[in-house]
Full PDB file with SEQRES, HELIX, SHEET, SSBOND, CRYST1, ORIGX, SCALE, CONECT and MASTER records, all heavy atoms in Angstrom:
SEQRES   1 A   34  GLN ALA LEU VAL ILE LEU ARG LEU TYR ASP ASN GLY GLU          
SEQRES   2 A   34  ASN TYR TYR LEU THR ALA ASN LEU LYS ALA PRO LEU PHE          
SEQRES   3 A   34  ILE ASP SER ALA THR ARG VAL GLY                              
SHEET    1 AA1 2 ALA A   2  LEU A   3  0                                        
SHEET    2 AA1 2 LEU A  25  PHE A  26 -1                                        
SHEET    1 AA2 2 LEU A   6  ASP A  10  0                                        
SHEET    2 AA2 2 TYR A  15  ALA A  19 -1                                        
CRYST1    1.000    1.000    1.000  90.00  90.00  90.00 P 1           1          
ORIGX1      1.000000  0.000000  0.000000        0.00000                         
ORIGX2      0.000000  1.000000  0.000000        0.00000                         
ORIGX3      0.000000  0.000000  1.000000        0.00000                         
SCALE1      1.000000  0.000000  0.000000        0.00000                         
SCALE2      0.000000  1.000000  0.000000        0.00000                         
SCALE3      0.000000  0.000000  1.000000        0.00000                         
ATOM      1  N   GLN A   1     181.596 164.680 166.785  1.00  0.00           N  
ATOM      2  CA  GLN A   1     182.781 165.299 167.263  1.00  0.00           C  
ATOM      3  C   GLN A   1     183.960 165.070 166.308  1.00  0.00           C  
ATOM      4  O   GLN A   1     184.087 163.929 165.707  1.00  0.00           O  
ATOM      5  CB  GLN A   1     183.215 164.786 168.659  1.00  0.00           C  
ATOM      6  CG  GLN A   1     182.189 165.092 169.723  1.00  0.00           C  
ATOM      7  CD  GLN A   1     182.132 166.598 170.103  1.00  0.00           C  
ATOM      8  OE1 GLN A   1     183.133 167.228 170.143  1.00  0.00           O  
ATOM      9  NE2 GLN A   1     181.023 167.197 170.213  1.00  0.00           N  
ATOM     10  N   ALA A   2     184.789 165.972 166.186  1.00  0.00           N  
ATOM     11  CA  ALA A   2     186.066 165.839 165.394  1.00  0.00           C  
ATOM     12  C   ALA A   2     187.233 165.593 166.393  1.00  0.00           C  
ATOM     13  O   ALA A   2     187.406 166.439 167.340  1.00  0.00           O  
ATOM     14  CB  ALA A   2     186.239 166.967 164.556  1.00  0.00           C  
ATOM     15  N   LEU A   3     187.874 164.500 166.227  1.00  0.00           N  
ATOM     16  CA  LEU A   3     189.030 164.093 167.075  1.00  0.00           C  
ATOM     17  C   LEU A   3     190.245 163.954 166.276  1.00  0.00           C  
ATOM     18  O   LEU A   3     190.203 163.567 165.154  1.00  0.00           O  
ATOM     19  CB  LEU A   3     188.795 162.839 167.762  1.00  0.00           C  
ATOM     20  CG  LEU A   3     187.381 162.628 168.499  1.00  0.00           C  
ATOM     21  CD1 LEU A   3     187.225 161.312 169.059  1.00  0.00           C  
ATOM     22  CD2 LEU A   3     187.387 163.634 169.650  1.00  0.00           C  
ATOM     23  N   VAL A   4     191.373 164.380 166.839  1.00  0.00           N  
ATOM     24  CA  VAL A   4     192.643 164.154 166.199  1.00  0.00           C  
ATOM     25  C   VAL A   4     193.490 163.171 166.875  1.00  0.00           C  
ATOM     26  O   VAL A   4     193.413 163.094 168.119  1.00  0.00           O  
ATOM     27  CB  VAL A   4     193.490 165.551 165.980  1.00  0.00           C  
ATOM     28  CG1 VAL A   4     192.637 166.492 165.116  1.00  0.00           C  
ATOM     29  CG2 VAL A   4     193.679 166.168 167.147  1.00  0.00           C  
ATOM     30  N   ILE A   5     194.434 162.467 166.109  1.00  0.00           N  
ATOM     31  CA  ILE A   5     195.368 161.528 166.724  1.00  0.00           C  
ATOM     32  C   ILE A   5     196.506 162.312 167.108  1.00  0.00           C  
ATOM     33  O   ILE A   5     197.127 163.071 166.230  1.00  0.00           O  
ATOM     34  CB  ILE A   5     195.598 160.453 165.625  1.00  0.00           C  
ATOM     35  CG1 ILE A   5     194.303 159.740 165.383  1.00  0.00           C  
ATOM     36  CG2 ILE A   5     196.709 159.576 166.253  1.00  0.00           C  
ATOM     37  CD1 ILE A   5     194.397 158.728 164.238  1.00  0.00           C  
ATOM     38  N   LEU A   6     196.978 162.197 168.352  1.00  0.00           N  
ATOM     39  CA  LEU A   6     198.265 162.764 168.814  1.00  0.00           C  
ATOM     40  C   LEU A   6     199.382 161.824 168.799  1.00  0.00           C  
ATOM     41  O   LEU A   6     199.085 160.553 169.175  1.00  0.00           O  
ATOM     42  CB  LEU A   6     198.058 163.424 170.177  1.00  0.00           C  
ATOM     43  CG  LEU A   6     196.941 164.436 170.299  1.00  0.00           C  
ATOM     44  CD1 LEU A   6     196.859 164.884 171.842  1.00  0.00           C  
ATOM     45  CD2 LEU A   6     197.312 165.671 169.502  1.00  0.00           C  
ATOM     46  N   ARG A   7     200.505 162.211 168.745  1.00  0.00           N  
ATOM     47  CA  ARG A   7     201.749 161.465 168.846  1.00  0.00           C  
ATOM     48  C   ARG A   7     202.793 162.063 169.657  1.00  0.00           C  
ATOM     49  O   ARG A   7     203.090 163.277 169.441  1.00  0.00           O  
ATOM     50  CB  ARG A   7     202.395 161.133 167.357  1.00  0.00           C  
ATOM     51  CG  ARG A   7     203.499 160.265 167.565  1.00  0.00           C  
ATOM     52  CD  ARG A   7     203.981 159.715 166.265  1.00  0.00           C  
ATOM     53  NE  ARG A   7     205.150 158.885 166.451  1.00  0.00           N  
ATOM     54  CZ  ARG A   7     205.886 158.260 165.477  1.00  0.00           C  
ATOM     55  NH1 ARG A   7     205.589 158.549 164.275  1.00  0.00           N  
ATOM     56  NH2 ARG A   7     206.961 157.694 165.715  1.00  0.00           N  
ATOM     57  N   LEU A   8     203.352 161.440 170.591  1.00  0.00           N  
ATOM     58  CA  LEU A   8     204.280 162.020 171.448  1.00  0.00           C  
ATOM     59  C   LEU A   8     205.681 161.495 171.011  1.00  0.00           C  
ATOM     60  O   LEU A   8     205.955 160.292 170.904  1.00  0.00           O  
ATOM     61  CB  LEU A   8     204.018 161.479 172.935  1.00  0.00           C  
ATOM     62  CG  LEU A   8     205.191 161.890 173.933  1.00  0.00           C  
ATOM     63  CD1 LEU A   8     205.050 163.413 174.297  1.00  0.00           C  
ATOM     64  CD2 LEU A   8     204.874 161.132 175.352  1.00  0.00           C  
ATOM     65  N   TYR A   9     206.582 162.401 170.789  1.00  0.00           N  
ATOM     66  CA  TYR A   9     207.947 162.178 170.417  1.00  0.00           C  
ATOM     67  C   TYR A   9     208.805 162.318 171.662  1.00  0.00           C  
ATOM     68  O   TYR A   9     208.760 163.386 172.357  1.00  0.00           O  
ATOM     69  CB  TYR A   9     208.324 163.066 169.290  1.00  0.00           C  
ATOM     70  CG  TYR A   9     207.720 162.817 168.006  1.00  0.00           C  
ATOM     71  CD1 TYR A   9     206.479 163.356 167.658  1.00  0.00           C  
ATOM     72  CD2 TYR A   9     208.239 161.902 167.078  1.00  0.00           C  
ATOM     73  CE1 TYR A   9     205.868 163.176 166.436  1.00  0.00           C  
ATOM     74  CE2 TYR A   9     207.742 161.700 165.850  1.00  0.00           C  
ATOM     75  CZ  TYR A   9     206.409 162.259 165.625  1.00  0.00           C  
ATOM     76  OH  TYR A   9     205.748 162.017 164.345  1.00  0.00           O  
ATOM     77  N   ASP A  10     209.773 161.373 171.866  1.00  0.00           N  
ATOM     78  CA  ASP A  10     210.829 161.535 172.900  1.00  0.00           C  
ATOM     79  C   ASP A  10     212.151 161.915 172.151  1.00  0.00           C  
ATOM     80  O   ASP A  10     212.710 161.091 171.523  1.00  0.00           O  
ATOM     81  CB  ASP A  10     210.923 160.251 173.648  1.00  0.00           C  
ATOM     82  CG  ASP A  10     212.035 160.248 174.733  1.00  0.00           C  
ATOM     83  OD1 ASP A  10     212.685 161.272 174.895  1.00  0.00           O  
ATOM     84  OD2 ASP A  10     212.062 159.233 175.430  1.00  0.00           O  
ATOM     85  N   ASN A  11     212.512 163.105 172.472  1.00  0.00           N  
ATOM     86  CA  ASN A  11     213.743 163.587 171.802  1.00  0.00           C  
ATOM     87  C   ASN A  11     214.881 163.612 172.689  1.00  0.00           C  
ATOM     88  O   ASN A  11     215.724 164.556 172.781  1.00  0.00           O  
ATOM     89  CB  ASN A  11     213.356 165.051 171.309  1.00  0.00           C  
ATOM     90  CG  ASN A  11     214.488 165.376 170.079  1.00  0.00           C  
ATOM     91  OD1 ASN A  11     215.151 164.485 169.577  1.00  0.00           O  
ATOM     92  ND2 ASN A  11     214.375 166.739 169.853  1.00  0.00           N  
ATOM     93  N   GLY A  12     214.997 162.599 173.611  1.00  0.00           N  
ATOM     94  CA  GLY A  12     216.134 162.512 174.537  1.00  0.00           C  
ATOM     95  C   GLY A  12     215.684 163.252 175.683  1.00  0.00           C  
ATOM     96  O   GLY A  12     215.112 162.686 176.648  1.00  0.00           O  
ATOM     97  N   GLU A  13     216.091 164.584 175.734  1.00  0.00           N  
ATOM     98  CA  GLU A  13     215.866 165.376 176.981  1.00  0.00           C  
ATOM     99  C   GLU A  13     214.469 166.162 176.840  1.00  0.00           C  
ATOM    100  O   GLU A  13     213.921 166.558 177.847  1.00  0.00           O  
ATOM    101  CB  GLU A  13     216.923 166.479 177.208  1.00  0.00           C  
ATOM    102  CG  GLU A  13     218.222 165.904 177.436  1.00  0.00           C  
ATOM    103  CD  GLU A  13     219.330 167.018 177.522  1.00  0.00           C  
ATOM    104  OE1 GLU A  13     219.032 168.213 177.546  1.00  0.00           O  
ATOM    105  OE2 GLU A  13     220.482 166.569 177.544  1.00  0.00           O  
ATOM    106  N   ASN A  14     213.926 166.256 175.674  1.00  0.00           N  
ATOM    107  CA  ASN A  14     212.671 166.907 175.321  1.00  0.00           C  
ATOM    108  C   ASN A  14     211.595 165.997 174.820  1.00  0.00           C  
ATOM    109  O   ASN A  14     211.902 164.940 174.233  1.00  0.00           O  
ATOM    110  CB  ASN A  14     212.890 167.992 174.331  1.00  0.00           C  
ATOM    111  CG  ASN A  14     213.984 169.097 174.826  1.00  0.00           C  
ATOM    112  OD1 ASN A  14     214.065 169.148 176.042  1.00  0.00           O  
ATOM    113  ND2 ASN A  14     214.642 169.653 173.882  1.00  0.00           N  
ATOM    114  N   TYR A  15     210.345 166.434 175.195  1.00  0.00           N  
ATOM    115  CA  TYR A  15     209.228 165.757 174.512  1.00  0.00           C  
ATOM    116  C   TYR A  15     208.416 166.773 173.748  1.00  0.00           C  
ATOM    117  O   TYR A  15     208.412 167.945 174.063  1.00  0.00           O  
ATOM    118  CB  TYR A  15     208.220 165.197 175.600  1.00  0.00           C  
ATOM    119  CG  TYR A  15     208.942 164.081 176.459  1.00  0.00           C  
ATOM    120  CD1 TYR A  15     209.562 164.443 177.594  1.00  0.00           C  
ATOM    121  CD2 TYR A  15     208.893 162.800 175.992  1.00  0.00           C  
ATOM    122  CE1 TYR A  15     210.063 163.414 178.525  1.00  0.00           C  
ATOM    123  CE2 TYR A  15     209.484 161.754 176.853  1.00  0.00           C  
ATOM    124  CZ  TYR A  15     210.084 162.176 178.040  1.00  0.00           C  
ATOM    125  OH  TYR A  15     210.615 161.083 178.815  1.00  0.00           O  
ATOM    126  N   TYR A  16     207.823 166.322 172.681  1.00  0.00           N  
ATOM    127  CA  TYR A  16     206.917 167.130 172.047  1.00  0.00           C  
ATOM    128  C   TYR A  16     205.682 166.350 171.352  1.00  0.00           C  
ATOM    129  O   TYR A  16     205.937 165.149 171.007  1.00  0.00           O  
ATOM    130  CB  TYR A  16     207.596 168.115 170.972  1.00  0.00           C  
ATOM    131  CG  TYR A  16     208.197 167.401 169.698  1.00  0.00           C  
ATOM    132  CD1 TYR A  16     207.511 167.234 168.544  1.00  0.00           C  
ATOM    133  CD2 TYR A  16     209.454 166.826 169.808  1.00  0.00           C  
ATOM    134  CE1 TYR A  16     208.069 166.601 167.495  1.00  0.00           C  
ATOM    135  CE2 TYR A  16     210.011 166.127 168.682  1.00  0.00           C  
ATOM    136  CZ  TYR A  16     209.406 166.048 167.580  1.00  0.00           C  
ATOM    137  OH  TYR A  16     209.957 165.432 166.464  1.00  0.00           O  
ATOM    138  N   LEU A  17     204.666 167.055 171.273  1.00  0.00           N  
ATOM    139  CA  LEU A  17     203.482 166.381 170.526  1.00  0.00           C  
ATOM    140  C   LEU A  17     203.192 166.835 169.153  1.00  0.00           C  
ATOM    141  O   LEU A  17     203.437 168.047 168.883  1.00  0.00           O  
ATOM    142  CB  LEU A  17     202.169 166.607 171.346  1.00  0.00           C  
ATOM    143  CG  LEU A  17     201.977 166.021 172.630  1.00  0.00           C  
ATOM    144  CD1 LEU A  17     200.751 166.585 173.321  1.00  0.00           C  
ATOM    145  CD2 LEU A  17     201.817 164.569 172.453  1.00  0.00           C  
ATOM    146  N   THR A  18     202.616 166.024 168.427  1.00  0.00           N  
ATOM    147  CA  THR A  18     202.142 166.422 166.956  1.00  0.00           C  
ATOM    148  C   THR A  18     200.726 165.930 166.907  1.00  0.00           C  
ATOM    149  O   THR A  18     200.295 164.906 167.423  1.00  0.00           O  
ATOM    150  CB  THR A  18     203.010 165.941 165.767  1.00  0.00           C  
ATOM    151  OG1 THR A  18     202.901 164.502 165.753  1.00  0.00           O  
ATOM    152  CG2 THR A  18     204.456 166.374 165.826  1.00  0.00           C  
ATOM    153  N   ALA A  19     199.859 166.690 166.079  1.00  0.00           N  
ATOM    154  CA  ALA A  19     198.558 166.244 165.919  1.00  0.00           C  
ATOM    155  C   ALA A  19     198.341 166.102 164.352  1.00  0.00           C  
ATOM    156  O   ALA A  19     198.897 166.774 163.539  1.00  0.00           O  
ATOM    157  CB  ALA A  19     197.546 167.397 166.346  1.00  0.00           C  
ATOM    158  N   ASN A  20     197.580 164.975 164.087  1.00  0.00           N  
ATOM    159  CA  ASN A  20     197.301 164.671 162.655  1.00  0.00           C  
ATOM    160  C   ASN A  20     196.042 165.510 162.244  1.00  0.00           C  
ATOM    161  O   ASN A  20     194.904 165.042 162.436  1.00  0.00           O  
ATOM    162  CB  ASN A  20     197.084 163.187 162.429  1.00  0.00           C  
ATOM    163  CG  ASN A  20     196.815 162.883 160.931  1.00  0.00           C  
ATOM    164  OD1 ASN A  20     196.525 163.677 160.134  1.00  0.00           O  
ATOM    165  ND2 ASN A  20     196.790 161.480 160.718  1.00  0.00           N  
ATOM    166  N   LEU A  21     196.293 166.700 161.756  1.00  0.00           N  
ATOM    167  CA  LEU A  21     195.073 167.455 161.264  1.00  0.00           C  
ATOM    168  C   LEU A  21     194.584 167.251 159.932  1.00  0.00           C  
ATOM    169  O   LEU A  21     193.604 167.516 159.512  1.00  0.00           O  
ATOM    170  CB  LEU A  21     195.424 169.060 161.427  1.00  0.00           C  
ATOM    171  CG  LEU A  21     195.782 169.595 162.811  1.00  0.00           C  
ATOM    172  CD1 LEU A  21     196.100 171.015 162.904  1.00  0.00           C  
ATOM    173  CD2 LEU A  21     194.740 169.342 163.773  1.00  0.00           C  
ATOM    174  N   LYS A  22     195.416 166.518 159.204  1.00  0.00           N  
ATOM    175  CA  LYS A  22     195.200 166.194 157.752  1.00  0.00           C  
ATOM    176  C   LYS A  22     194.064 165.108 157.652  1.00  0.00           C  
ATOM    177  O   LYS A  22     193.253 165.068 156.738  1.00  0.00           O  
ATOM    178  CB  LYS A  22     196.517 165.555 157.151  1.00  0.00           C  
ATOM    179  CG  LYS A  22     196.316 165.257 155.685  1.00  0.00           C  
ATOM    180  CD  LYS A  22     196.489 166.543 154.787  1.00  0.00           C  
ATOM    181  CE  LYS A  22     196.571 166.127 153.356  1.00  0.00           C  
ATOM    182  NZ  LYS A  22     196.426 167.373 152.545  1.00  0.00           N  
ATOM    183  N   ALA A  23     194.052 164.166 158.754  1.00  0.00           N  
ATOM    184  CA  ALA A  23     193.009 163.032 158.694  1.00  0.00           C  
ATOM    185  C   ALA A  23     192.349 162.913 160.123  1.00  0.00           C  
ATOM    186  O   ALA A  23     192.776 161.880 160.718  1.00  0.00           O  
ATOM    187  CB  ALA A  23     193.683 161.804 158.187  1.00  0.00           C  
ATOM    188  N   PRO A  24     191.570 163.819 160.433  1.00  0.00           N  
ATOM    189  CA  PRO A  24     190.841 163.679 161.831  1.00  0.00           C  
ATOM    190  C   PRO A  24     189.835 162.580 161.737  1.00  0.00           C  
ATOM    191  O   PRO A  24     189.367 162.089 160.663  1.00  0.00           O  
ATOM    192  CB  PRO A  24     190.234 165.059 161.980  1.00  0.00           C  
ATOM    193  CG  PRO A  24     190.039 165.540 160.643  1.00  0.00           C  
ATOM    194  CD  PRO A  24     191.101 165.127 159.755  1.00  0.00           C  
ATOM    195  N   LEU A  25     189.416 162.149 162.954  1.00  0.00           N  
ATOM    196  CA  LEU A  25     188.352 161.214 163.095  1.00  0.00           C  
ATOM    197  C   LEU A  25     187.031 162.000 163.360  1.00  0.00           C  
ATOM    198  O   LEU A  25     186.966 162.815 164.170  1.00  0.00           O  
ATOM    199  CB  LEU A  25     188.617 160.337 164.263  1.00  0.00           C  
ATOM    200  CG  LEU A  25     189.905 159.501 164.161  1.00  0.00           C  
ATOM    201  CD1 LEU A  25     190.173 158.732 165.480  1.00  0.00           C  
ATOM    202  CD2 LEU A  25     189.854 158.474 163.012  1.00  0.00           C  
ATOM    203  N   PHE A  26     185.983 161.556 162.690  1.00  0.00           N  
ATOM    204  CA  PHE A  26     184.653 162.200 162.891  1.00  0.00           C  
ATOM    205  C   PHE A  26     183.702 161.050 163.591  1.00  0.00           C  
ATOM    206  O   PHE A  26     183.581 160.094 162.933  1.00  0.00           O  
ATOM    207  CB  PHE A  26     183.962 162.726 161.759  1.00  0.00           C  
ATOM    208  CG  PHE A  26     184.604 163.948 161.244  1.00  0.00           C  
ATOM    209  CD1 PHE A  26     185.794 163.973 160.378  1.00  0.00           C  
ATOM    210  CD2 PHE A  26     184.253 165.186 161.709  1.00  0.00           C  
ATOM    211  CE1 PHE A  26     186.329 165.152 160.029  1.00  0.00           C  
ATOM    212  CE2 PHE A  26     184.848 166.396 161.270  1.00  0.00           C  
ATOM    213  CZ  PHE A  26     185.935 166.295 160.350  1.00  0.00           C  
ATOM    214  N   ILE A  27     183.284 161.244 164.762  1.00  0.00           N  
ATOM    215  CA  ILE A  27     182.578 160.208 165.505  1.00  0.00           C  
ATOM    216  C   ILE A  27     181.179 160.823 165.757  1.00  0.00           C  
ATOM    217  O   ILE A  27     181.067 161.935 166.564  1.00  0.00           O  
ATOM    218  CB  ILE A  27     183.187 159.874 166.870  1.00  0.00           C  
ATOM    219  CG1 ILE A  27     184.716 159.432 166.680  1.00  0.00           C  
ATOM    220  CG2 ILE A  27     182.448 158.835 167.494  1.00  0.00           C  
ATOM    221  CD1 ILE A  27     184.876 158.253 165.896  1.00  0.00           C  
ATOM    222  N   ASP A  28     180.093 160.103 165.426  1.00  0.00           N  
ATOM    223  CA  ASP A  28     178.736 160.492 165.686  1.00  0.00           C  
ATOM    224  C   ASP A  28     178.257 159.581 166.936  1.00  0.00           C  
ATOM    225  O   ASP A  28     178.127 158.419 166.784  1.00  0.00           O  
ATOM    226  CB  ASP A  28     177.881 160.316 164.538  1.00  0.00           C  
ATOM    227  CG  ASP A  28     176.381 160.852 164.697  1.00  0.00           C  
ATOM    228  OD1 ASP A  28     175.955 160.836 165.852  1.00  0.00           O  
ATOM    229  OD2 ASP A  28     175.803 161.210 163.726  1.00  0.00           O  
ATOM    230  N   SER A  29     178.155 160.346 167.980  1.00  0.00           N  
ATOM    231  CA  SER A  29     177.793 159.581 169.230  1.00  0.00           C  
ATOM    232  C   SER A  29     176.256 159.035 169.209  1.00  0.00           C  
ATOM    233  O   SER A  29     175.993 158.183 169.954  1.00  0.00           O  
ATOM    234  CB  SER A  29     177.978 160.548 170.528  1.00  0.00           C  
ATOM    235  OG  SER A  29     177.168 161.641 170.354  1.00  0.00           O  
ATOM    236  N   ALA A  30     175.418 159.630 168.533  1.00  0.00           N  
ATOM    237  CA  ALA A  30     173.917 159.128 168.393  1.00  0.00           C  
ATOM    238  C   ALA A  30     174.027 157.848 167.678  1.00  0.00           C  
ATOM    239  O   ALA A  30     173.314 156.946 167.965  1.00  0.00           O  
ATOM    240  CB  ALA A  30     173.221 160.297 167.757  1.00  0.00           C  
ATOM    241  N   THR A  31     174.554 157.824 166.563  1.00  0.00           N  
ATOM    242  CA  THR A  31     174.466 156.640 165.656  1.00  0.00           C  
ATOM    243  C   THR A  31     175.736 155.658 165.903  1.00  0.00           C  
ATOM    244  O   THR A  31     175.682 154.481 165.326  1.00  0.00           O  
ATOM    245  CB  THR A  31     174.501 157.040 164.265  1.00  0.00           C  
ATOM    246  OG1 THR A  31     175.761 157.784 163.815  1.00  0.00           O  
ATOM    247  CG2 THR A  31     173.339 157.878 163.827  1.00  0.00           C  
ATOM    248  N   ARG A  32     176.625 156.087 166.739  1.00  0.00           N  
ATOM    249  CA  ARG A  32     177.842 155.305 167.059  1.00  0.00           C  
ATOM    250  C   ARG A  32     178.634 154.889 165.609  1.00  0.00           C  
ATOM    251  O   ARG A  32     179.032 153.820 165.567  1.00  0.00           O  
ATOM    252  CB  ARG A  32     177.476 154.137 167.820  1.00  0.00           C  
ATOM    253  CG  ARG A  32     176.845 154.507 169.149  1.00  0.00           C  
ATOM    254  CD  ARG A  32     176.445 153.362 169.949  1.00  0.00           C  
ATOM    255  NE  ARG A  32     177.558 152.443 170.295  1.00  0.00           N  
ATOM    256  CZ  ARG A  32     177.555 151.630 171.125  1.00  0.00           C  
ATOM    257  NH1 ARG A  32     176.433 151.357 171.848  1.00  0.00           N  
ATOM    258  NH2 ARG A  32     178.676 150.986 171.413  1.00  0.00           N  
ATOM    259  N   VAL A  33     178.668 155.852 164.761  1.00  0.00           N  
ATOM    260  CA  VAL A  33     179.384 155.584 163.537  1.00  0.00           C  
ATOM    261  C   VAL A  33     180.640 156.676 163.474  1.00  0.00           C  
ATOM    262  O   VAL A  33     180.453 157.729 163.862  1.00  0.00           O  
ATOM    263  CB  VAL A  33     178.429 155.940 162.275  1.00  0.00           C  
ATOM    264  CG1 VAL A  33     179.160 156.022 160.957  1.00  0.00           C  
ATOM    265  CG2 VAL A  33     177.311 154.948 162.310  1.00  0.00           C  
ATOM    266  N   GLY A  34     181.674 156.160 162.991  1.00  0.00           N  
ATOM    267  CA  GLY A  34     182.792 157.040 162.790  1.00  0.00           C  
ATOM    268  C   GLY A  34     183.588 156.847 161.605  1.00  0.00           C  
ATOM    269  O   GLY A  34     183.490 155.816 160.926  1.00  0.00           O  
TER     270      GLY A  34                                                      
MASTER        0    0    0    0    4    0    0    6  269    1    0    3          
END                                                                             
């Protein structure tokens, strides 16, 4: 599976999310290697 790291920003009255698409995590569930 390819997973991305999300970050939540608090901009006072607003919130927004960003995703790190540049450096995703690849996790193999069968071998438990990532």
